All heavy atoms as atom14 arrays in JSON, in Angstrom:
{
  "sequence": "LVESGGGLVQAGDSLRLSCAASGRAFSGYAMGWFRQAPGKEREFVA",
  "atom14_mask": [
    [1, 1, 1, 1, 1, 1, 1, 1, 0, 0, 0, 0, 0, 0],
    [1, 1, 1, 1, 1, 1, 1, 0, 0, 0, 0, 0, 0, 0],
    [1, 1, 1, 1, 1, 1, 1, 1, 1, 0, 0, 0, 0, 0],
    [1, 1, 1, 1, 1, 1, 0, 0, 0, 0, 0, 0, 0, 0],
    [1, 1, 1, 1, 0, 0, 0, 0, 0, 0, 0, 0, 0, 0],
    [1, 1, 1, 1, 0, 0, 0, 0, 0, 0, 0, 0, 0, 0],
    [1, 1, 1, 1, 0, 0, 0, 0, 0, 0, 0, 0, 0, 0],
    [1, 1, 1, 1, 1, 1, 1, 1, 0, 0, 0, 0, 0, 0],
    [1, 1, 1, 1, 1, 1, 1, 0, 0, 0, 0, 0, 0, 0],
    [1, 1, 1, 1, 1, 1, 1, 1, 1, 0, 0, 0, 0, 0],
    [1, 1, 1, 1, 1, 0, 0, 0, 0, 0, 0, 0, 0, 0],
    [1, 1, 1, 1, 0, 0, 0, 0, 0, 0, 0, 0, 0, 0],
    [1, 1, 1, 1, 1, 1, 1, 1, 0, 0, 0, 0, 0, 0],
    [1, 1, 1, 1, 1, 1, 0, 0, 0, 0, 0, 0, 0, 0],
    [1, 1, 1, 1, 1, 1, 1, 1, 0, 0, 0, 0, 0, 0],
    [1, 1, 1, 1, 1, 1, 1, 1, 1, 1, 1, 0, 0, 0],
    [1, 1, 1, 1, 1, 1, 1, 1, 0, 0, 0, 0, 0, 0],
    [1, 1, 1, 1, 1, 1, 0, 0, 0, 0, 0, 0, 0, 0],
    [1, 1, 1, 1, 1, 1, 0, 0, 0, 0, 0, 0, 0, 0],
    [1, 1, 1, 1, 1, 0, 0, 0, 0, 0, 0, 0, 0, 0],
    [1, 1, 1, 1, 1, 0, 0, 0, 0, 0, 0, 0, 0, 0],
    [1, 1, 1, 1, 1, 1, 0, 0, 0, 0, 0, 0, 0, 0],
    [1, 1, 1, 1, 0, 0, 0, 0, 0, 0, 0, 0, 0, 0],
    [1, 1, 1, 1, 1, 1, 1, 1, 1, 1, 1, 0, 0, 0],
    [1, 1, 1, 1, 1, 0, 0, 0, 0, 0, 0, 0, 0, 0],
    [1, 1, 1, 1, 1, 1, 1, 1, 1, 1, 1, 0, 0, 0],
    [1, 1, 1, 1, 1, 1, 0, 0, 0, 0, 0, 0, 0, 0],
    [1, 1, 1, 1, 0, 0, 0, 0, 0, 0, 0, 0, 0, 0],
    [1, 1, 1, 1, 1, 1, 1, 1, 1, 1, 1, 1, 0, 0],
    [1, 1, 1, 1, 1, 0, 0, 0, 0, 0, 0, 0, 0, 0],
    [1, 1, 1, 1, 1, 1, 1, 1, 0, 0, 0, 0, 0, 0],
    [1, 1, 1, 1, 0, 0, 0, 0, 0, 0, 0, 0, 0, 0],
    [1, 1, 1, 1, 1, 1, 1, 1, 1, 1, 1, 1, 1, 1],
    [1, 1, 1, 1, 1, 1, 1, 1, 1, 1, 1, 0, 0, 0],
    [1, 1, 1, 1, 1, 1, 1, 1, 1, 1, 1, 0, 0, 0],
    [1, 1, 1, 1, 1, 1, 1, 1, 1, 0, 0, 0, 0, 0],
    [1, 1, 1, 1, 1, 0, 0, 0, 0, 0, 0, 0, 0, 0],
    [1, 1, 1, 1, 1, 1, 1, 0, 0, 0, 0, 0, 0, 0],
    [1, 1, 1, 1, 0, 0, 0, 0, 0, 0, 0, 0, 0, 0],
    [1, 1, 1, 1, 1, 1, 1, 1, 1, 0, 0, 0, 0, 0],
    [1, 1, 1, 1, 1, 1, 1, 1, 1, 0, 0, 0, 0, 0],
    [1, 1, 1, 1, 1, 1, 1, 1, 1, 1, 1, 0, 0, 0],
    [1, 1, 1, 1, 1, 1, 1, 1, 1, 0, 0, 0, 0, 0],
    [1, 1, 1, 1, 1, 1, 1, 1, 1, 1, 1, 0, 0, 0],
    [1, 1, 1, 1, 1, 1, 1, 0, 0, 0, 0, 0, 0, 0],
    [1, 1, 1, 1, 1, 0, 0, 0, 0, 0, 0, 0, 0, 0]
  ],
  "atom14_positions": [
    [[3.7, -92.58, -77.19], [4.62, -93.35, -78.01], [5.7, -92.41, -78.54], [5.39, -91.34, -79.06], [3.89, -94.01, -79.18], [2.71, -94.92, -78.83], [1.96, -95.33, -80.09], [3.2, -96.15, -78.07], [0.0, 0.0, 0.0], [0.0, 0.0, 0.0], [0.0, 0.0, 0.0], [0.0, 0.0, 0.0], [0.0, 0.0, 0.0], [0.0, 0.0, 0.0]],
    [[6.95, -92.83, -78.44], [8.08, -92.03, -78.9], [8.97, -92.89, -79.77], [9.56, -93.87, -79.3], [8.88, -91.45, -77.73], [10.05, -90.62, -78.25], [8.0, -90.6, -76.84], [0.0, 0.0, 0.0], [0.0, 0.0, 0.0], [0.0, 0.0, 0.0], [0.0, 0.0, 0.0], [0.0, 0.0, 0.0], [0.0, 0.0, 0.0], [0.0, 0.0, 0.0]],
    [[9.1, -92.52, -81.06], [9.95, -93.26, -81.99], [11.36, -92.7, -82.0], [11.57, -91.51, -81.74], [9.39, -93.19, -83.42], [7.98, -93.72, -83.6], [6.96, -92.62, -83.63], [7.18, -91.57, -82.98], [5.93, -92.8, -84.3], [0.0, 0.0, 0.0], [0.0, 0.0, 0.0], [0.0, 0.0, 0.0], [0.0, 0.0, 0.0], [0.0, 0.0, 0.0]],
    [[12.31, -93.54, -82.35], [13.69, -93.13, -82.54], [14.38, -94.12, -83.47], [13.86, -95.21, -83.71], [14.43, -93.03, -81.21], [14.49, -94.29, -80.56], [0.0, 0.0, 0.0], [0.0, 0.0, 0.0], [0.0, 0.0, 0.0], [0.0, 0.0, 0.0], [0.0, 0.0, 0.0], [0.0, 0.0, 0.0], [0.0, 0.0, 0.0], [0.0, 0.0, 0.0]],
    [[15.53, -93.73, -83.99], [16.34, -94.63, -84.79], [16.39, -94.33, -86.27], [17.13, -95.0, -87.0], [0.0, 0.0, 0.0], [0.0, 0.0, 0.0], [0.0, 0.0, 0.0], [0.0, 0.0, 0.0], [0.0, 0.0, 0.0], [0.0, 0.0, 0.0], [0.0, 0.0, 0.0], [0.0, 0.0, 0.0], [0.0, 0.0, 0.0], [0.0, 0.0, 0.0]],
    [[15.63, -93.36, -86.74], [15.66, -93.02, -88.15], [16.95, -92.34, -88.54], [17.75, -91.94, -87.7], [0.0, 0.0, 0.0], [0.0, 0.0, 0.0], [0.0, 0.0, 0.0], [0.0, 0.0, 0.0], [0.0, 0.0, 0.0], [0.0, 0.0, 0.0], [0.0, 0.0, 0.0], [0.0, 0.0, 0.0], [0.0, 0.0, 0.0], [0.0, 0.0, 0.0]],
    [[17.16, -92.2, -89.85], [18.36, -91.56, -90.34], [18.5, -91.69, -91.84], [17.59, -92.16, -92.53], [0.0, 0.0, 0.0], [0.0, 0.0, 0.0], [0.0, 0.0, 0.0], [0.0, 0.0, 0.0], [0.0, 0.0, 0.0], [0.0, 0.0, 0.0], [0.0, 0.0, 0.0], [0.0, 0.0, 0.0], [0.0, 0.0, 0.0], [0.0, 0.0, 0.0]],
    [[19.65, -91.27, -92.34], [19.98, -91.33, -93.76], [20.95, -92.48, -93.99], [22.03, -92.51, -93.38], [20.59, -90.01, -94.22], [21.13, -89.95, -95.65], [20.02, -90.18, -96.65], [21.82, -88.62, -95.89], [0.0, 0.0, 0.0], [0.0, 0.0, 0.0], [0.0, 0.0, 0.0], [0.0, 0.0, 0.0], [0.0, 0.0, 0.0], [0.0, 0.0, 0.0]],
    [[20.57, -93.41, -94.84], [21.4, -94.58, -95.13], [21.42, -94.83, -96.63], [20.64, -94.25, -97.39], [20.9, -95.84, -94.4], [20.96, -95.65, -92.89], [19.48, -96.19, -94.84], [0.0, 0.0, 0.0], [0.0, 0.0, 0.0], [0.0, 0.0, 0.0], [0.0, 0.0, 0.0], [0.0, 0.0, 0.0], [0.0, 0.0, 0.0], [0.0, 0.0, 0.0]],
    [[22.32, -95.7, -97.05], [22.4, -96.11, -98.45], [21.58, -97.36, -98.69], [21.31, -98.13, -97.78], [23.85, -96.37, -98.85], [24.73, -95.14, -98.85], [26.14, -95.44, -99.32], [26.59, -96.59, -99.29], [26.85, -94.42, -99.75], [0.0, 0.0, 0.0], [0.0, 0.0, 0.0], [0.0, 0.0, 0.0], [0.0, 0.0, 0.0], [0.0, 0.0, 0.0]],
    [[21.17, -97.55, -99.93], [20.45, -98.76, -100.3], [21.25, -99.99, -99.9], [22.46, -100.05, -100.1], [20.16, -98.77, -101.79], [0.0, 0.0, 0.0], [0.0, 0.0, 0.0], [0.0, 0.0, 0.0], [0.0, 0.0, 0.0], [0.0, 0.0, 0.0], [0.0, 0.0, 0.0], [0.0, 0.0, 0.0], [0.0, 0.0, 0.0], [0.0, 0.0, 0.0]],
    [[20.56, -100.96, -99.32], [21.18, -102.17, -98.85], [21.56, -102.14, -97.39], [21.86, -103.2, -96.81], [0.0, 0.0, 0.0], [0.0, 0.0, 0.0], [0.0, 0.0, 0.0], [0.0, 0.0, 0.0], [0.0, 0.0, 0.0], [0.0, 0.0, 0.0], [0.0, 0.0, 0.0], [0.0, 0.0, 0.0], [0.0, 0.0, 0.0], [0.0, 0.0, 0.0]],
    [[21.56, -100.97, -96.78], [21.9, -100.83, -95.36], [20.73, -101.26, -94.47], [19.64, -101.57, -94.95], [22.29, -99.4, -95.04], [23.67, -99.04, -95.54], [24.4, -99.94, -95.99], [24.03, -97.84, -95.47], [0.0, 0.0, 0.0], [0.0, 0.0, 0.0], [0.0, 0.0, 0.0], [0.0, 0.0, 0.0], [0.0, 0.0, 0.0], [0.0, 0.0, 0.0]],
    [[20.98, -101.25, -93.16], [19.98, -101.62, -92.18], [19.78, -100.52, -91.16], [20.69, -99.73, -90.89], [20.4, -102.91, -91.44], [20.49, -104.01, -92.32], [0.0, 0.0, 0.0], [0.0, 0.0, 0.0], [0.0, 0.0, 0.0], [0.0, 0.0, 0.0], [0.0, 0.0, 0.0], [0.0, 0.0, 0.0], [0.0, 0.0, 0.0], [0.0, 0.0, 0.0]],
    [[18.59, -100.46, -90.59], [18.26, -99.57, -89.49], [17.34, -100.31, -88.53], [16.59, -101.18, -88.94], [17.54, -98.31, -89.97], [18.35, -97.16, -90.55], [17.39, -96.1, -91.08], [19.28, -96.57, -89.52], [0.0, 0.0, 0.0], [0.0, 0.0, 0.0], [0.0, 0.0, 0.0], [0.0, 0.0, 0.0], [0.0, 0.0, 0.0], [0.0, 0.0, 0.0]],
    [[17.4, -99.94, -87.25], [16.45, -100.44, -86.28], [15.73, -99.28, -85.64], [16.34, -98.44, -84.98], [17.11, -101.29, -85.2], [16.08, -101.99, -84.3], [16.71, -102.86, -83.24], [17.29, -102.07, -82.17], [17.66, -102.56, -80.99], [17.51, -103.86, -80.74], [18.2, -101.77, -80.08], [0.0, 0.0, 0.0], [0.0, 0.0, 0.0], [0.0, 0.0, 0.0]],
    [[14.42, -99.23, -85.83], [13.58, -98.22, -85.21], [13.07, -98.72, -83.87], [12.79, -99.91, -83.71], [12.4, -97.87, -86.11], [12.72, -97.44, -87.54], [11.43, -97.05, -88.26], [13.72, -96.28, -87.55], [0.0, 0.0, 0.0], [0.0, 0.0, 0.0], [0.0, 0.0, 0.0], [0.0, 0.0, 0.0], [0.0, 0.0, 0.0], [0.0, 0.0, 0.0]],
    [[12.94, -97.8, -82.92], [12.42, -98.13, -81.6], [11.2, -97.28, -81.31], [11.1, -96.14, -81.74], [13.47, -97.88, -80.52], [14.61, -98.69, -80.7], [0.0, 0.0, 0.0], [0.0, 0.0, 0.0], [0.0, 0.0, 0.0], [0.0, 0.0, 0.0], [0.0, 0.0, 0.0], [0.0, 0.0, 0.0], [0.0, 0.0, 0.0], [0.0, 0.0, 0.0]],
    [[10.26, -97.84, -80.57], [9.06, -97.14, -80.14], [8.86, -97.42, -78.66], [8.49, -98.53, -78.28], [7.85, -97.58, -80.95], [6.28, -96.9, -80.38], [0.0, 0.0, 0.0], [0.0, 0.0, 0.0], [0.0, 0.0, 0.0], [0.0, 0.0, 0.0], [0.0, 0.0, 0.0], [0.0, 0.0, 0.0], [0.0, 0.0, 0.0], [0.0, 0.0, 0.0]],
    [[9.12, -96.42, -77.83], [8.95, -96.54, -76.39], [7.55, -96.11, -76.0], [7.12, -95.0, -76.34], [9.99, -95.7, -75.66], [0.0, 0.0, 0.0], [0.0, 0.0, 0.0], [0.0, 0.0, 0.0], [0.0, 0.0, 0.0], [0.0, 0.0, 0.0], [0.0, 0.0, 0.0], [0.0, 0.0, 0.0], [0.0, 0.0, 0.0], [0.0, 0.0, 0.0]],
    [[6.83, -96.97, -75.28], [5.45, -96.71, -74.89], [5.36, -96.4, -73.41], [6.21, -96.8, -72.61], [4.57, -97.92, -75.23], [0.0, 0.0, 0.0], [0.0, 0.0, 0.0], [0.0, 0.0, 0.0], [0.0, 0.0, 0.0], [0.0, 0.0, 0.0], [0.0, 0.0, 0.0], [0.0, 0.0, 0.0], [0.0, 0.0, 0.0], [0.0, 0.0, 0.0]],
    [[4.32, -95.68, -73.03], [4.07, -95.37, -71.64], [3.74, -96.64, -70.87], [3.36, -97.65, -71.44], [2.95, -94.34, -71.51], [1.75, -94.82, -72.08], [0.0, 0.0, 0.0], [0.0, 0.0, 0.0], [0.0, 0.0, 0.0], [0.0, 0.0, 0.0], [0.0, 0.0, 0.0], [0.0, 0.0, 0.0], [0.0, 0.0, 0.0], [0.0, 0.0, 0.0]],
    [[3.88, -96.56, -69.55], [3.78, -97.74, -68.7], [2.37, -98.21, -68.41], [1.99, -98.28, -67.24], [0.0, 0.0, 0.0], [0.0, 0.0, 0.0], [0.0, 0.0, 0.0], [0.0, 0.0, 0.0], [0.0, 0.0, 0.0], [0.0, 0.0, 0.0], [0.0, 0.0, 0.0], [0.0, 0.0, 0.0], [0.0, 0.0, 0.0], [0.0, 0.0, 0.0]],
    [[1.61, -98.52, -69.42], [0.29, -99.11, -69.27], [0.39, -100.62, -69.35], [1.45, -101.17, -69.66], [-0.67, -98.59, -70.35], [-0.78, -97.09, -70.45], [-1.49, -96.49, -69.27], [-2.07, -95.19, -69.56], [-1.42, -94.03, -69.48], [-0.14, -94.02, -69.13], [-2.04, -92.89, -69.76], [0.0, 0.0, 0.0], [0.0, 0.0, 0.0], [0.0, 0.0, 0.0]],
    [[-0.72, -101.29, -69.07], [-0.81, -102.73, -69.29], [-1.16, -102.96, -70.75], [-2.24, -102.58, -71.19], [-1.85, -103.36, -68.37], [0.0, 0.0, 0.0], [0.0, 0.0, 0.0], [0.0, 0.0, 0.0], [0.0, 0.0, 0.0], [0.0, 0.0, 0.0], [0.0, 0.0, 0.0], [0.0, 0.0, 0.0], [0.0, 0.0, 0.0], [0.0, 0.0, 0.0]],
    [[-0.25, -103.6, -71.48], [-0.43, -103.73, -72.92], [-0.95, -105.08, -73.36], [-1.03, -105.33, -74.56], [0.88, -103.41, -73.64], [1.25, -101.96, -73.55], [2.25, -101.54, -72.7], [0.57, -101.03, -74.3], [2.57, -100.19, -72.6], [0.89, -99.69, -74.22], [1.89, -99.27, -73.36], [0.0, 0.0, 0.0], [0.0, 0.0, 0.0], [0.0, 0.0, 0.0]],
    [[-1.28, -105.94, -72.44], [-1.97, -107.16, -72.82], [-3.3, -106.77, -73.45], [-4.03, -105.91, -72.96], [-2.19, -108.07, -71.62], [-2.99, -107.44, -70.64], [0.0, 0.0, 0.0], [0.0, 0.0, 0.0], [0.0, 0.0, 0.0], [0.0, 0.0, 0.0], [0.0, 0.0, 0.0], [0.0, 0.0, 0.0], [0.0, 0.0, 0.0], [0.0, 0.0, 0.0]],
    [[-3.63, -107.4, -74.57], [-4.83, -107.04, -75.31], [-4.61, -105.91, -76.3], [-5.58, -105.46, -76.93], [0.0, 0.0, 0.0], [0.0, 0.0, 0.0], [0.0, 0.0, 0.0], [0.0, 0.0, 0.0], [0.0, 0.0, 0.0], [0.0, 0.0, 0.0], [0.0, 0.0, 0.0], [0.0, 0.0, 0.0], [0.0, 0.0, 0.0], [0.0, 0.0, 0.0]],
    [[-3.38, -105.43, -76.45], [-3.03, -104.38, -77.39], [-2.27, -104.94, -78.58], [-1.61, -105.98, -78.49], [-2.18, -103.3, -76.73], [-2.97, -102.24, -76.01], [-3.49, -102.48, -74.75], [-3.18, -101.0, -76.6], [-4.22, -101.5, -74.08], [-3.89, -100.02, -75.94], [-4.41, -100.27, -74.68], [-5.12, -99.29, -74.03], [0.0, 0.0, 0.0], [0.0, 0.0, 0.0]],
    [[-2.37, -104.22, -79.68], [-1.53, -104.45, -80.84], [-0.72, -103.2, -81.1], [-1.22, -102.08, -80.97], [-2.36, -104.81, -82.07], [0.0, 0.0, 0.0], [0.0, 0.0, 0.0], [0.0, 0.0, 0.0], [0.0, 0.0, 0.0], [0.0, 0.0, 0.0], [0.0, 0.0, 0.0], [0.0, 0.0, 0.0], [0.0, 0.0, 0.0], [0.0, 0.0, 0.0]],
    [[0.54, -103.38, -81.46], [1.43, -102.27, -81.77], [1.82, -102.39, -83.24], [2.19, -103.46, -83.7], [2.68, -102.31, -80.9], [2.4, -102.38, -79.41], [1.69, -100.85, -78.76], [3.13, -99.78, -78.82], [0.0, 0.0, 0.0], [0.0, 0.0, 0.0], [0.0, 0.0, 0.0], [0.0, 0.0, 0.0], [0.0, 0.0, 0.0], [0.0, 0.0, 0.0]],
    [[1.74, -101.28, -83.95], [2.0, -101.3, -85.37], [2.97, -100.23, -85.81], [3.2, -99.24, -85.11], [0.0, 0.0, 0.0], [0.0, 0.0, 0.0], [0.0, 0.0, 0.0], [0.0, 0.0, 0.0], [0.0, 0.0, 0.0], [0.0, 0.0, 0.0], [0.0, 0.0, 0.0], [0.0, 0.0, 0.0], [0.0, 0.0, 0.0], [0.0, 0.0, 0.0]],
    [[3.56, -100.45, -86.98], [4.39, -99.46, -87.66], [3.73, -99.09, -88.99], [3.29, -99.97, -89.74], [5.8, -99.99, -87.93], [6.67, -100.06, -86.72], [6.91, -101.15, -85.94], [7.43, -98.99, -86.15], [7.77, -100.83, -84.92], [8.1, -99.51, -85.03], [7.61, -97.65, -86.48], [8.93, -98.73, -84.23], [8.43, -96.87, -85.69], [9.09, -97.41, -84.58]],
    [[3.68, -97.8, -89.25], [3.16, -97.25, -90.5], [4.2, -96.3, -91.07], [5.1, -95.86, -90.37], [1.84, -96.52, -90.27], [0.72, -97.39, -89.81], [0.63, -97.82, -88.5], [-0.27, -97.8, -90.7], [-0.4, -98.63, -88.07], [-1.32, -98.61, -90.28], [-1.38, -99.02, -88.97], [0.0, 0.0, 0.0], [0.0, 0.0, 0.0], [0.0, 0.0, 0.0]],
    [[4.06, -95.97, -92.34], [4.97, -95.01, -92.96], [4.21, -94.15, -93.96], [3.21, -94.56, -94.53], [6.15, -95.71, -93.63], [5.79, -96.58, -94.82], [7.01, -97.36, -95.29], [6.74, -98.16, -96.48], [7.6, -99.0, -97.02], [8.8, -99.18, -96.48], [7.26, -99.69, -98.1], [0.0, 0.0, 0.0], [0.0, 0.0, 0.0], [0.0, 0.0, 0.0]],
    [[4.74, -92.95, -94.18], [4.12, -92.02, -95.11], [5.2, -91.17, -95.78], [6.01, -90.54, -95.12], [3.12, -91.11, -94.4], [2.33, -90.22, -95.34], [1.19, -89.51, -94.64], [1.23, -89.32, -93.43], [0.17, -89.15, -95.39], [0.0, 0.0, 0.0], [0.0, 0.0, 0.0], [0.0, 0.0, 0.0], [0.0, 0.0, 0.0], [0.0, 0.0, 0.0]],
    [[5.19, -91.19, -97.11], [6.07, -90.34, -97.9], [5.3, -89.12, -98.36], [4.07, -89.16, -98.49], [6.61, -91.11, -99.1], [0.0, 0.0, 0.0], [0.0, 0.0, 0.0], [0.0, 0.0, 0.0], [0.0, 0.0, 0.0], [0.0, 0.0, 0.0], [0.0, 0.0, 0.0], [0.0, 0.0, 0.0], [0.0, 0.0, 0.0], [0.0, 0.0, 0.0]],
    [[5.98, -87.99, -98.62], [5.29, -86.78, -99.08], [4.46, -87.05, -100.33], [4.94, -87.67, -101.28], [6.43, -85.81, -99.37], [7.53, -86.25, -98.47], [7.42, -87.75, -98.44], [0.0, 0.0, 0.0], [0.0, 0.0, 0.0], [0.0, 0.0, 0.0], [0.0, 0.0, 0.0], [0.0, 0.0, 0.0], [0.0, 0.0, 0.0], [0.0, 0.0, 0.0]],
    [[3.22, -86.6, -100.31], [2.34, -86.77, -101.45], [1.71, -88.14, -101.55], [0.97, -88.39, -102.51], [0.0, 0.0, 0.0], [0.0, 0.0, 0.0], [0.0, 0.0, 0.0], [0.0, 0.0, 0.0], [0.0, 0.0, 0.0], [0.0, 0.0, 0.0], [0.0, 0.0, 0.0], [0.0, 0.0, 0.0], [0.0, 0.0, 0.0], [0.0, 0.0, 0.0]],
    [[1.98, -89.03, -100.61], [1.44, -90.38, -100.64], [0.63, -90.65, -99.39], [0.79, -89.99, -98.37], [2.55, -91.41, -100.78], [3.35, -91.31, -102.07], [4.39, -92.4, -102.15], [5.18, -92.31, -103.44], [6.2, -93.39, -103.52], [0.0, 0.0, 0.0], [0.0, 0.0, 0.0], [0.0, 0.0, 0.0], [0.0, 0.0, 0.0], [0.0, 0.0, 0.0]],
    [[-0.25, -91.63, -99.47], [-1.05, -92.02, -98.32], [-0.21, -92.78, -97.31], [0.78, -93.44, -97.66], [-2.24, -92.88, -98.75], [-3.29, -92.16, -99.57], [-4.49, -93.03, -99.85], [-4.41, -94.26, -99.66], [-5.53, -92.48, -100.24], [0.0, 0.0, 0.0], [0.0, 0.0, 0.0], [0.0, 0.0, 0.0], [0.0, 0.0, 0.0], [0.0, 0.0, 0.0]],
    [[-0.61, -92.68, -96.06], [0.01, -93.49, -95.02], [-0.26, -94.96, -95.3], [-1.39, -95.33, -95.65], [-0.53, -93.09, -93.65], [0.09, -93.82, -92.49], [-0.52, -93.35, -91.19], [-1.94, -93.62, -91.14], [-2.77, -93.11, -90.23], [-2.31, -92.27, -89.31], [-4.06, -93.42, -90.26], [0.0, 0.0, 0.0], [0.0, 0.0, 0.0], [0.0, 0.0, 0.0]],
    [[0.75, -95.8, -95.16], [0.57, -97.22, -95.42], [1.04, -98.06, -94.25], [1.96, -97.71, -93.51], [1.32, -97.64, -96.7], [2.83, -97.53, -96.62], [3.52, -98.1, -97.84], [2.93, -98.97, -98.52], [4.66, -97.67, -98.12], [0.0, 0.0, 0.0], [0.0, 0.0, 0.0], [0.0, 0.0, 0.0], [0.0, 0.0, 0.0], [0.0, 0.0, 0.0]],
    [[0.4, -99.19, -94.1], [0.73, -100.15, -93.07], [2.04, -100.85, -93.39], [2.3, -101.2, -94.54], [-0.4, -101.18, -92.95], [-0.07, -102.37, -92.12], [-0.11, -102.32, -90.74], [0.29, -103.57, -92.72], [0.19, -103.42, -89.97], [0.6, -104.68, -91.97], [0.55, -104.61, -90.59], [0.0, 0.0, 0.0], [0.0, 0.0, 0.0], [0.0, 0.0, 0.0]],
    [[2.86, -101.06, -92.37], [4.14, -101.74, -92.53], [4.15, -103.08, -91.81], [4.43, -104.12, -92.41], [5.31, -100.87, -92.03], [6.63, -101.64, -92.11], [5.4, -99.58, -92.83], [0.0, 0.0, 0.0], [0.0, 0.0, 0.0], [0.0, 0.0, 0.0], [0.0, 0.0, 0.0], [0.0, 0.0, 0.0], [0.0, 0.0, 0.0], [0.0, 0.0, 0.0]],
    [[3.84, -103.07, -90.51], [3.89, -104.29, -89.7], [3.14, -104.06, -88.4], [2.97, -102.92, -87.97], [5.33, -104.71, -89.41], [0.0, 0.0, 0.0], [0.0, 0.0, 0.0], [0.0, 0.0, 0.0], [0.0, 0.0, 0.0], [0.0, 0.0, 0.0], [0.0, 0.0, 0.0], [0.0, 0.0, 0.0], [0.0, 0.0, 0.0], [0.0, 0.0, 0.0]]
  ]
}
């Protein structure tokens, strides 16, 4: 999995993150996004 699309933005702005996956059969899989800030636990996003 390779993420891209992050950056520095102002409050109220928008970003689109991408996650490119290897060429497996992904039926029966779930794909998720998580985030982690310094000093905080990793949390589920979507």
